[in-house]
Every structure is written in structure tokens, then in C-alpha cells.
N, C-alpha and C. Protein backbone atom coordinates (compact mmCIF):
# COMPACT_ATOMS: atom_id res chain seq x y z
N UNK A 1 0.42 10.00 -20.13
CA UNK A 1 0.17 9.29 -18.92
C UNK A 1 -0.73 10.14 -18.02
N UNK A 2 -1.74 9.54 -17.46
CA UNK A 2 -2.63 10.23 -16.54
C UNK A 2 -2.04 10.20 -15.14
N UNK A 3 -2.41 11.17 -14.30
CA UNK A 3 -1.92 11.21 -12.93
C UNK A 3 -2.94 10.61 -11.97
N UNK A 4 -4.03 10.02 -12.48
CA UNK A 4 -5.08 9.49 -11.63
C UNK A 4 -4.91 8.02 -11.34
N UNK A 5 -5.42 7.58 -10.21
CA UNK A 5 -5.39 6.18 -9.85
C UNK A 5 -6.71 5.53 -10.23
N UNK A 6 -7.81 6.22 -9.97
CA UNK A 6 -9.13 5.74 -10.28
C UNK A 6 -10.03 6.96 -10.44
N UNK A 7 -11.28 6.72 -10.77
CA UNK A 7 -12.18 7.86 -10.95
C UNK A 7 -12.21 8.71 -9.68
N UNK A 8 -12.34 10.02 -9.81
CA UNK A 8 -12.38 10.87 -8.62
C UNK A 8 -13.52 10.46 -7.69
N UNK A 9 -13.24 10.55 -6.40
CA UNK A 9 -14.24 10.23 -5.40
C UNK A 9 -15.42 11.18 -5.54
N UNK A 10 -16.61 10.62 -5.55
CA UNK A 10 -17.83 11.43 -5.65
C UNK A 10 -18.41 11.62 -4.25
N UNK A 11 -18.42 12.85 -3.78
CA UNK A 11 -18.91 13.13 -2.46
C UNK A 11 -20.43 13.11 -2.44
N UNK A 12 -20.98 12.48 -1.42
CA UNK A 12 -22.41 12.48 -1.17
C UNK A 12 -22.68 13.66 -0.24
N UNK A 13 -23.41 14.68 -0.70
CA UNK A 13 -23.62 15.86 0.15
C UNK A 13 -24.36 15.53 1.45
N UNK A 14 -25.09 14.42 1.49
CA UNK A 14 -25.81 14.02 2.70
C UNK A 14 -24.87 13.37 3.71
N UNK A 15 -23.77 12.82 3.23
CA UNK A 15 -22.83 12.13 4.12
C UNK A 15 -21.83 13.14 4.69
N UNK A 16 -21.74 13.16 5.97
CA UNK A 16 -20.80 14.05 6.65
C UNK A 16 -19.62 13.21 7.13
N UNK A 17 -18.48 13.36 6.49
CA UNK A 17 -17.28 12.63 6.89
C UNK A 17 -16.35 13.61 7.58
N UNK A 18 -16.04 13.30 8.82
CA UNK A 18 -15.11 14.14 9.57
C UNK A 18 -13.69 13.71 9.24
N UNK A 19 -12.77 14.67 9.26
CA UNK A 19 -11.36 14.37 9.01
C UNK A 19 -10.79 13.39 10.02
N UNK A 20 -11.33 13.39 11.24
CA UNK A 20 -10.78 12.51 12.28
C UNK A 20 -11.48 11.16 12.34
N UNK A 21 -12.44 10.90 11.44
CA UNK A 21 -13.11 9.62 11.42
C UNK A 21 -12.15 8.54 10.93
N UNK A 22 -12.11 7.42 11.65
CA UNK A 22 -11.20 6.34 11.27
C UNK A 22 -11.96 5.29 10.46
N UNK A 23 -11.29 4.66 9.50
CA UNK A 23 -11.97 3.69 8.64
C UNK A 23 -12.29 2.39 9.37
N UNK A 24 -13.38 1.78 8.97
CA UNK A 24 -13.76 0.47 9.52
C UNK A 24 -13.74 -0.60 8.43
N UNK A 25 -13.54 -0.20 7.18
CA UNK A 25 -13.47 -1.15 6.07
C UNK A 25 -12.17 -0.93 5.31
N UNK A 26 -11.73 -1.99 4.63
CA UNK A 26 -10.46 -1.98 3.90
C UNK A 26 -10.75 -2.40 2.47
N UNK A 27 -10.37 -1.56 1.52
CA UNK A 27 -10.62 -1.89 0.11
C UNK A 27 -9.30 -1.81 -0.65
N UNK A 28 -8.95 -2.91 -1.30
CA UNK A 28 -7.70 -2.97 -2.06
C UNK A 28 -8.00 -2.92 -3.56
N UNK A 29 -7.33 -1.99 -4.24
CA UNK A 29 -7.41 -1.88 -5.69
C UNK A 29 -6.13 -2.47 -6.26
N UNK A 30 -6.26 -3.48 -7.10
CA UNK A 30 -5.08 -4.14 -7.67
C UNK A 30 -4.48 -3.31 -8.78
N UNK A 31 -3.16 -3.18 -8.76
CA UNK A 31 -2.44 -2.43 -9.79
C UNK A 31 -1.66 -3.42 -10.65
N UNK A 32 -2.20 -3.76 -11.81
CA UNK A 32 -1.51 -4.73 -12.67
C UNK A 32 -0.24 -4.15 -13.29
N UNK A 33 0.76 -5.02 -13.41
CA UNK A 33 2.02 -4.67 -14.07
C UNK A 33 2.64 -3.40 -13.49
N UNK A 34 2.65 -3.28 -12.17
CA UNK A 34 3.17 -2.08 -11.50
C UNK A 34 4.69 -2.02 -11.60
N UNK A 35 5.18 -0.82 -11.87
CA UNK A 35 6.62 -0.54 -11.96
C UNK A 35 6.91 0.75 -11.21
N UNK A 36 7.96 0.74 -10.39
CA UNK A 36 8.32 1.96 -9.66
C UNK A 36 9.14 2.88 -10.55
N UNK A 37 8.92 4.19 -10.37
CA UNK A 37 9.68 5.23 -11.06
C UNK A 37 10.01 6.31 -10.03
N UNK A 38 10.76 7.31 -10.44
CA UNK A 38 11.07 8.42 -9.55
C UNK A 38 9.82 9.20 -9.15
N UNK A 39 8.85 9.26 -10.04
CA UNK A 39 7.63 10.05 -9.81
C UNK A 39 6.55 9.29 -9.05
N UNK A 40 6.61 7.96 -9.11
CA UNK A 40 5.57 7.15 -8.47
C UNK A 40 5.53 5.76 -9.05
N UNK A 41 4.35 5.19 -9.02
CA UNK A 41 4.15 3.83 -9.48
C UNK A 41 3.35 3.86 -10.78
N UNK A 42 3.90 3.30 -11.84
CA UNK A 42 3.20 3.21 -13.12
C UNK A 42 2.56 1.83 -13.20
N UNK A 43 1.29 1.80 -13.62
CA UNK A 43 0.57 0.54 -13.76
C UNK A 43 -0.33 0.60 -14.98
N UNK A 44 -0.87 -0.55 -15.37
CA UNK A 44 -1.73 -0.62 -16.57
C UNK A 44 -3.16 -0.94 -16.20
N UNK A 45 -4.05 -0.37 -16.96
CA UNK A 45 -5.46 -0.74 -16.98
C UNK A 45 -5.80 -0.86 -18.45
N UNK A 46 -5.94 -2.09 -18.92
CA UNK A 46 -6.14 -2.31 -20.34
C UNK A 46 -4.88 -1.91 -21.09
N UNK A 47 -5.03 -1.11 -22.13
CA UNK A 47 -3.88 -0.67 -22.92
C UNK A 47 -3.27 0.63 -22.40
N UNK A 48 -3.91 1.25 -21.41
CA UNK A 48 -3.44 2.56 -20.92
C UNK A 48 -2.55 2.42 -19.70
N UNK A 49 -1.61 3.34 -19.57
CA UNK A 49 -0.73 3.43 -18.42
C UNK A 49 -1.18 4.58 -17.53
N UNK A 50 -1.06 4.37 -16.22
CA UNK A 50 -1.43 5.39 -15.24
C UNK A 50 -0.30 5.55 -14.25
N UNK A 51 -0.29 6.69 -13.58
CA UNK A 51 0.72 6.97 -12.57
C UNK A 51 0.05 7.22 -11.23
N UNK A 52 0.48 6.48 -10.22
CA UNK A 52 0.12 6.78 -8.83
C UNK A 52 1.30 7.56 -8.28
N UNK A 53 1.15 8.87 -8.16
CA UNK A 53 2.25 9.74 -7.69
C UNK A 53 2.55 9.46 -6.23
N UNK A 54 3.82 9.52 -5.87
CA UNK A 54 4.21 9.29 -4.48
C UNK A 54 3.48 10.22 -3.54
N UNK A 55 3.18 11.42 -3.96
CA UNK A 55 2.49 12.39 -3.10
C UNK A 55 1.08 11.95 -2.73
N UNK A 56 0.49 11.04 -3.49
CA UNK A 56 -0.86 10.53 -3.18
C UNK A 56 -0.85 9.46 -2.09
N UNK A 57 0.32 8.90 -1.81
CA UNK A 57 0.42 7.79 -0.85
C UNK A 57 0.54 8.35 0.57
N UNK A 58 -0.46 8.05 1.39
CA UNK A 58 -0.45 8.52 2.77
C UNK A 58 0.34 7.59 3.69
N UNK A 59 0.25 6.29 3.44
CA UNK A 59 0.98 5.29 4.23
C UNK A 59 1.35 4.14 3.30
N UNK A 60 2.47 3.47 3.57
CA UNK A 60 2.94 2.36 2.75
C UNK A 60 3.26 1.16 3.64
N UNK A 61 2.78 -0.01 3.24
CA UNK A 61 2.93 -1.23 4.02
C UNK A 61 3.46 -2.35 3.14
N UNK A 62 4.17 -3.29 3.75
CA UNK A 62 4.66 -4.47 3.04
C UNK A 62 4.69 -5.65 4.00
N UNK A 63 4.40 -6.83 3.48
CA UNK A 63 4.46 -8.05 4.28
C UNK A 63 4.66 -9.23 3.34
N UNK A 64 5.18 -10.30 3.91
CA UNK A 64 5.28 -11.56 3.17
C UNK A 64 3.99 -12.32 3.42
N UNK A 65 3.37 -12.80 2.35
CA UNK A 65 2.10 -13.51 2.45
C UNK A 65 2.29 -14.92 1.92
N UNK A 66 1.79 -15.90 2.65
CA UNK A 66 1.85 -17.29 2.21
C UNK A 66 2.20 -18.24 3.33
N UNK A 67 2.04 -19.51 3.07
CA UNK A 67 2.37 -20.55 4.04
C UNK A 67 3.88 -20.69 4.17
N UNK A 68 4.38 -20.97 5.37
CA UNK A 68 5.83 -21.10 5.56
C UNK A 68 6.49 -22.12 4.63
N UNK A 69 5.82 -23.21 4.33
CA UNK A 69 6.39 -24.24 3.47
C UNK A 69 5.84 -24.17 2.04
N UNK A 70 5.08 -23.13 1.74
CA UNK A 70 4.45 -23.04 0.43
C UNK A 70 4.92 -21.84 -0.36
N UNK A 71 4.10 -21.46 -1.34
CA UNK A 71 4.40 -20.31 -2.18
C UNK A 71 4.19 -19.03 -1.36
N UNK A 72 5.16 -18.13 -1.46
CA UNK A 72 5.08 -16.87 -0.74
C UNK A 72 5.33 -15.72 -1.72
N UNK A 73 4.76 -14.55 -1.38
CA UNK A 73 4.98 -13.35 -2.18
C UNK A 73 5.08 -12.15 -1.24
N UNK A 74 5.68 -11.09 -1.71
CA UNK A 74 5.71 -9.84 -0.95
C UNK A 74 4.58 -8.97 -1.48
N UNK A 75 3.69 -8.54 -0.59
CA UNK A 75 2.56 -7.71 -0.97
C UNK A 75 2.81 -6.30 -0.44
N UNK A 76 2.59 -5.34 -1.33
CA UNK A 76 2.72 -3.92 -0.99
C UNK A 76 1.32 -3.30 -1.03
N UNK A 77 0.92 -2.65 0.03
CA UNK A 77 -0.34 -1.90 0.07
C UNK A 77 0.01 -0.43 0.30
N UNK A 78 -0.34 0.40 -0.65
CA UNK A 78 -0.10 1.84 -0.58
C UNK A 78 -1.43 2.53 -0.29
N UNK A 79 -1.58 3.04 0.92
CA UNK A 79 -2.84 3.64 1.35
C UNK A 79 -2.97 5.04 0.75
N UNK A 80 -4.04 5.25 -0.01
CA UNK A 80 -4.29 6.55 -0.62
C UNK A 80 -5.45 7.28 0.07
N UNK A 81 -6.20 6.59 0.90
CA UNK A 81 -7.29 7.20 1.65
C UNK A 81 -7.35 6.51 3.01
N UNK A 82 -7.12 7.24 4.08
CA UNK A 82 -7.12 6.65 5.41
C UNK A 82 -8.10 7.32 6.37
N UNK A 83 -8.92 8.23 5.89
CA UNK A 83 -9.94 8.88 6.70
C UNK A 83 -11.30 8.57 6.11
N UNK A 84 -12.32 8.67 6.95
CA UNK A 84 -13.65 8.35 6.49
C UNK A 84 -13.97 6.90 6.79
N UNK A 85 -15.04 6.38 6.22
CA UNK A 85 -15.48 5.03 6.58
C UNK A 85 -14.64 3.91 5.98
N UNK A 86 -13.84 4.22 4.97
CA UNK A 86 -13.14 3.16 4.25
C UNK A 86 -11.67 3.53 4.02
N UNK A 87 -10.79 2.56 4.27
CA UNK A 87 -9.38 2.71 3.94
C UNK A 87 -9.20 2.15 2.53
N UNK A 88 -8.65 2.95 1.63
CA UNK A 88 -8.44 2.51 0.25
C UNK A 88 -6.93 2.39 0.01
N UNK A 89 -6.53 1.20 -0.44
CA UNK A 89 -5.12 0.96 -0.74
C UNK A 89 -4.97 0.50 -2.18
N UNK A 90 -3.83 0.80 -2.74
CA UNK A 90 -3.45 0.30 -4.06
C UNK A 90 -2.45 -0.82 -3.81
N UNK A 91 -2.74 -2.01 -4.35
CA UNK A 91 -1.98 -3.20 -4.03
C UNK A 91 -1.26 -3.76 -5.25
N UNK A 92 -0.04 -4.21 -5.02
CA UNK A 92 0.70 -4.98 -6.01
C UNK A 92 1.65 -5.89 -5.26
N UNK A 93 2.24 -6.84 -5.97
CA UNK A 93 3.13 -7.77 -5.29
C UNK A 93 4.41 -7.97 -6.08
N UNK A 94 5.36 -8.63 -5.44
CA UNK A 94 6.65 -8.91 -6.05
C UNK A 94 7.18 -10.22 -5.48
N UNK A 95 8.08 -10.82 -6.22
CA UNK A 95 8.76 -12.02 -5.74
C UNK A 95 9.69 -11.61 -4.60
N UNK A 96 9.79 -12.45 -3.55
CA UNK A 96 10.76 -12.16 -2.49
C UNK A 96 12.17 -12.10 -3.08
N UNK A 97 13.01 -11.27 -2.50
CA UNK A 97 14.39 -11.16 -2.96
C UNK A 97 14.74 -9.75 -3.38
N UNK A 98 15.69 -9.66 -4.30
CA UNK A 98 16.22 -8.35 -4.68
C UNK A 98 15.18 -7.45 -5.35
N UNK A 99 14.24 -8.02 -6.10
CA UNK A 99 13.19 -7.20 -6.73
C UNK A 99 12.34 -6.51 -5.66
N UNK A 100 11.88 -7.27 -4.68
CA UNK A 100 11.05 -6.71 -3.62
C UNK A 100 11.84 -5.68 -2.80
N UNK A 101 13.10 -5.96 -2.56
CA UNK A 101 13.94 -5.03 -1.81
C UNK A 101 14.10 -3.71 -2.57
N UNK A 102 14.32 -3.78 -3.87
CA UNK A 102 14.44 -2.57 -4.69
C UNK A 102 13.16 -1.76 -4.72
N UNK A 103 12.04 -2.45 -4.81
CA UNK A 103 10.74 -1.76 -4.79
C UNK A 103 10.55 -1.05 -3.45
N UNK A 104 10.86 -1.76 -2.36
CA UNK A 104 10.70 -1.16 -1.03
C UNK A 104 11.59 0.07 -0.87
N UNK A 105 12.81 0.00 -1.40
CA UNK A 105 13.70 1.17 -1.33
C UNK A 105 13.12 2.35 -2.11
N UNK A 106 12.59 2.08 -3.28
CA UNK A 106 12.00 3.15 -4.10
C UNK A 106 10.78 3.77 -3.41
N UNK A 107 9.96 2.95 -2.78
CA UNK A 107 8.79 3.46 -2.05
C UNK A 107 9.24 4.32 -0.88
N UNK A 108 10.25 3.85 -0.15
CA UNK A 108 10.74 4.61 1.00
C UNK A 108 11.31 5.97 0.58
N UNK A 109 12.05 6.00 -0.51
CA UNK A 109 12.61 7.26 -1.01
C UNK A 109 11.49 8.15 -1.56
N UNK A 110 10.56 7.56 -2.31
CA UNK A 110 9.51 8.34 -2.96
C UNK A 110 8.49 8.92 -2.00
N UNK A 111 8.09 8.14 -1.00
CA UNK A 111 7.05 8.60 -0.09
C UNK A 111 7.60 9.28 1.16
N UNK A 112 8.83 8.94 1.50
CA UNK A 112 9.41 9.42 2.75
C UNK A 112 9.33 8.34 3.81
N UNK A 113 10.39 8.21 4.55
CA UNK A 113 10.52 7.15 5.56
C UNK A 113 9.38 7.15 6.58
N UNK A 114 8.92 8.34 6.98
CA UNK A 114 7.89 8.44 8.02
C UNK A 114 6.53 7.90 7.58
N UNK A 115 6.30 7.75 6.30
CA UNK A 115 5.03 7.21 5.82
C UNK A 115 5.10 5.70 5.57
N UNK A 116 6.25 5.09 5.83
CA UNK A 116 6.44 3.65 5.59
C UNK A 116 6.37 2.87 6.89
N UNK A 117 5.75 1.71 6.83
CA UNK A 117 5.69 0.84 8.00
C UNK A 117 7.08 0.31 8.34
N UNK A 118 7.31 -0.04 9.60
CA UNK A 118 8.60 -0.64 9.96
C UNK A 118 8.92 -1.89 9.13
N UNK A 119 7.91 -2.67 8.80
CA UNK A 119 8.12 -3.87 7.99
C UNK A 119 8.64 -3.52 6.60
N UNK A 120 8.09 -2.48 5.98
CA UNK A 120 8.56 -2.04 4.67
C UNK A 120 9.98 -1.49 4.77
N UNK A 121 10.26 -0.72 5.81
CA UNK A 121 11.61 -0.17 5.98
C UNK A 121 12.65 -1.28 6.17
N UNK A 122 12.29 -2.32 6.91
CA UNK A 122 13.20 -3.45 7.09
C UNK A 122 13.41 -4.19 5.77
N UNK A 123 12.35 -4.35 4.99
CA UNK A 123 12.48 -4.96 3.66
C UNK A 123 13.45 -4.15 2.80
N UNK A 124 13.34 -2.84 2.84
CA UNK A 124 14.23 -1.98 2.06
C UNK A 124 15.68 -2.09 2.51
N UNK A 125 15.89 -2.25 3.80
CA UNK A 125 17.25 -2.26 4.34
C UNK A 125 17.89 -3.65 4.33
N UNK A 126 17.07 -4.68 4.62
CA UNK A 126 17.64 -6.01 4.84
C UNK A 126 17.16 -7.08 3.86
N UNK A 127 16.13 -6.77 3.09
CA UNK A 127 15.67 -7.73 2.09
C UNK A 127 14.52 -8.62 2.51
N UNK A 128 14.10 -8.54 3.77
CA UNK A 128 12.96 -9.32 4.25
C UNK A 128 12.07 -8.43 5.12
N UNK A 129 10.75 -8.48 4.92
CA UNK A 129 9.87 -7.70 5.80
C UNK A 129 9.78 -8.37 7.17
N UNK A 130 9.46 -7.60 8.19
CA UNK A 130 9.31 -8.17 9.53
C UNK A 130 7.93 -8.76 9.75
N UNK A 131 6.99 -8.46 8.87
CA UNK A 131 5.62 -8.98 9.01
C UNK A 131 5.39 -10.10 8.00
N UNK A 132 4.79 -11.21 8.51
CA UNK A 132 4.46 -12.36 7.67
C UNK A 132 3.05 -12.83 8.04
N UNK A 133 2.25 -13.10 7.02
CA UNK A 133 0.88 -13.56 7.24
C UNK A 133 0.59 -14.73 6.31
N UNK A 134 -0.29 -15.62 6.75
CA UNK A 134 -0.62 -16.77 5.90
C UNK A 134 -1.60 -16.39 4.80
N UNK A 135 -2.36 -15.29 4.99
CA UNK A 135 -3.32 -14.89 3.96
C UNK A 135 -3.49 -13.37 3.94
N UNK A 136 -4.10 -12.89 2.86
CA UNK A 136 -4.30 -11.45 2.70
C UNK A 136 -5.25 -10.87 3.74
N UNK A 137 -6.24 -11.65 4.15
CA UNK A 137 -7.20 -11.15 5.13
C UNK A 137 -6.51 -10.77 6.45
N UNK A 138 -5.57 -11.59 6.88
CA UNK A 138 -4.83 -11.29 8.12
C UNK A 138 -3.98 -10.03 7.96
N UNK A 139 -3.35 -9.88 6.81
CA UNK A 139 -2.56 -8.68 6.50
C UNK A 139 -3.46 -7.44 6.52
N UNK A 140 -4.63 -7.53 5.88
CA UNK A 140 -5.56 -6.39 5.84
C UNK A 140 -6.04 -6.01 7.23
N UNK A 141 -6.37 -7.01 8.06
CA UNK A 141 -6.83 -6.72 9.42
C UNK A 141 -5.75 -6.00 10.22
N UNK A 142 -4.51 -6.50 10.14
CA UNK A 142 -3.41 -5.88 10.89
C UNK A 142 -3.13 -4.46 10.39
N UNK A 143 -3.18 -4.26 9.08
CA UNK A 143 -2.91 -2.95 8.51
C UNK A 143 -4.01 -1.96 8.88
N UNK A 144 -5.25 -2.40 8.81
CA UNK A 144 -6.37 -1.53 9.18
C UNK A 144 -6.27 -1.15 10.66
N UNK A 145 -5.91 -2.08 11.51
CA UNK A 145 -5.75 -1.77 12.94
C UNK A 145 -4.62 -0.75 13.16
N UNK A 146 -3.52 -0.90 12.42
CA UNK A 146 -2.41 0.06 12.54
C UNK A 146 -2.86 1.46 12.14
N UNK A 147 -3.67 1.55 11.09
CA UNK A 147 -4.18 2.84 10.63
C UNK A 147 -5.19 3.40 11.64
N UNK A 148 -6.10 2.56 12.09
CA UNK A 148 -7.15 3.00 13.01
C UNK A 148 -6.61 3.51 14.33
N UNK A 149 -5.56 2.86 14.83
CA UNK A 149 -5.03 3.23 16.13
C UNK A 149 -3.82 4.14 16.03
N UNK A 150 -3.54 4.61 14.81
CA UNK A 150 -2.51 5.63 14.62
C UNK A 150 -1.10 5.20 14.99
N UNK A 151 -0.79 3.92 14.79
CA UNK A 151 0.56 3.45 15.09
C UNK A 151 1.52 4.18 14.16
N UNK A 152 2.56 4.80 14.70
CA UNK A 152 3.51 5.52 13.85
C UNK A 152 4.11 4.59 12.80
N UNK A 153 3.93 4.92 11.53
CA UNK A 153 4.49 4.11 10.46
C UNK A 153 3.77 2.81 10.24
N UNK A 154 2.73 2.52 11.00
CA UNK A 154 2.01 1.27 10.78
C UNK A 154 2.58 0.13 11.58
N UNK A 155 2.43 -1.07 11.03
CA UNK A 155 2.91 -2.26 11.74
C UNK A 155 4.25 -2.72 11.24
């Protein structure tokens, strides 16, 4: 099993990125067939398995996405890069209920409570996130704003 999420970031020597620069763009990388483990999140790319180690996750977010009377899912965005021009998250989803609650608990234990959004912590404790959005774009906007303005634990 590899410990990488994606190809290593290639630095452009002409680009000067300050550590305190906040992202203005949000990029989600989908993690197919994601499963939580003690070490992190295992996912597939083709026939190969990869590990996103908990130590790579800078912030963790969760929300319910979908129409109130329609199909809904719990979306998890694990931010692996929150400085520079772009926020990069690794995304996967789960059915609402005990599966999503178990995943949220594993993320909270693996990453540490302080890196989890209040919505994810509530999902882990009570089974429902406090944040609900009708679409992914609204979730991404709210999450990016939480990161940009340094809200403790996110939204």
C-alpha cells in the first residue's frame, strides 16, 4: 500500500506562495471505495489501494447534501492543503445513518477533535451533521469561507 494521495505537488520556482496566503479556489479529489482504518483512509484508484494517512489531514468537514424531500448523502471533505492559492480536499460520501456516524467517529479519533468541524463532531456524537446544503457548490463555498477566515474547526 502506498502512503500517497496523489502525485507530489510540483513547485513552480517562479511562484512565491506564502504560508499565510489563504486559498481562493476549492478542488475536490474523489476517493472511490473509501474505507476508514486506524491509520487513515484506504481508497482505490484502478486496481491499486492507497492510504490517506490521518496525519495528512489538516481539517475535516462533513455535511448532509441533497434536497429535503429528495435523495440525500453525507459528504466528507478532508482538507490536505489549506495554504496557497488552492484548497485541496479529498472527498467521499456515505449513506446517512450508522455508517456515516461510524466514519465521523473514526475521522475524529484519527485526526483529532480540534481538526474537525463542529458539524462533523455532531455527526460523530449524535448521528446527524449540523450543516445541510442542497448542492455540493454551496458546501464548498461554506467550507472555503471557514478555511479562509480561520473559523476554529470550520463550520
